[in-house]
Amino acid sequence: MLINHQQSFLLGAFRAALDAANPSVILQDGLSKVFKEPLVGRVLVLGAGKAAASMAKALELYAASHW
């Protein structure tokens, strides 16, 4: 396969990889499978690592619209 515009191809591939790893996108589907019923009471979110804050934010957004 010959790629005429290497820079635009590589930027597109990079953006696709970022979107595929975006917690606000990928966690929506997983959370809907795990939490089939709305939770009652408090929820404690414990995380560690580089993506912990963005994953907690994705859970917070999911909870606000589903619980």
Protein backbone atom coordinates (compact mmCIF):
# COMPACT_ATOMS: atom_id res chain seq x y z
CA MET A 1 0.00 0.00 0.00
CA LEU A 2 1.41 3.35 -1.04
CA ILE A 3 0.63 6.27 1.24
CA ASN A 4 0.88 9.62 -0.50
CA HIS A 5 0.33 11.82 2.53
CA GLN A 6 2.31 10.19 5.31
CA GLN A 7 1.87 13.00 7.83
CA SER A 8 -1.93 13.08 7.54
CA PHE A 9 -2.04 9.28 7.67
CA LEU A 10 0.10 9.17 10.82
CA LEU A 11 -1.90 11.95 12.49
CA GLY A 12 -5.12 10.12 11.69
CA ALA A 13 -3.76 6.88 13.12
CA PHE A 14 -2.58 8.69 16.25
CA ARG A 15 -5.99 10.33 16.76
CA ALA A 16 -7.73 6.98 16.27
CA ALA A 17 -5.47 5.40 18.89
CA LEU A 18 -6.22 8.21 21.36
CA ASP A 19 -9.96 7.85 20.78
CA ALA A 20 -9.74 4.09 21.27
CA ALA A 21 -8.12 4.63 24.69
CA ASN A 22 -10.37 7.48 25.84
CA PRO A 23 -12.02 6.39 29.13
CA SER A 24 -15.07 8.58 28.58
CA VAL A 25 -15.77 6.64 25.39
CA ILE A 26 -14.82 3.07 26.28
CA LEU A 27 -16.09 3.02 29.87
CA GLN A 28 -19.67 3.90 28.92
CA ASP A 29 -20.25 0.49 27.36
CA GLY A 30 -18.45 -1.40 30.12
CA LEU A 31 -20.23 0.43 32.93
CA SER A 32 -23.64 -0.25 31.41
CA LYS A 33 -22.82 -3.97 31.39
CA VAL A 34 -21.53 -4.03 34.96
CA PHE A 35 -24.13 -1.77 36.57
CA LYS A 36 -27.42 -3.00 35.17
CA GLU A 37 -29.36 -1.55 38.12
CA PRO A 38 -28.89 1.94 39.56
CA LEU A 39 -26.73 2.03 42.68
CA VAL A 40 -28.17 3.28 45.95
CA GLY A 41 -26.06 5.13 48.49
CA ARG A 42 -22.44 6.11 48.24
CA VAL A 43 -19.92 4.96 45.70
CA LEU A 44 -16.23 4.91 46.53
CA VAL A 45 -13.88 5.12 43.57
CA LEU A 46 -10.32 4.08 44.22
CA GLY A 47 -7.73 4.28 41.49
CA ALA A 48 -4.04 4.50 40.85
CA GLY A 49 -1.99 5.25 37.79
CA LYS A 50 -1.93 7.73 34.96
CA ALA A 51 -5.50 7.12 33.81
CA ALA A 52 -7.12 6.98 37.26
CA ALA A 53 -8.41 10.56 37.24
CA SER A 54 -9.90 10.36 33.74
CA MET A 55 -11.51 7.01 34.54
CA ALA A 56 -13.02 8.40 37.74
CA LYS A 57 -14.35 11.38 35.77
CA ALA A 58 -15.90 9.02 33.21
CA LEU A 59 -17.60 7.13 36.05
CA GLU A 60 -18.83 10.40 37.53
CA LEU A 61 -20.35 11.47 34.20
CA TYR A 62 -21.93 8.04 33.74
CA ALA A 63 -23.39 8.12 37.25
CA ALA A 64 -24.84 11.60 36.74
CA SER A 65 -26.76 10.51 33.67
CA HIS A 66 -27.74 6.96 34.71
CA TRP A 67 -28.29 6.95 38.48
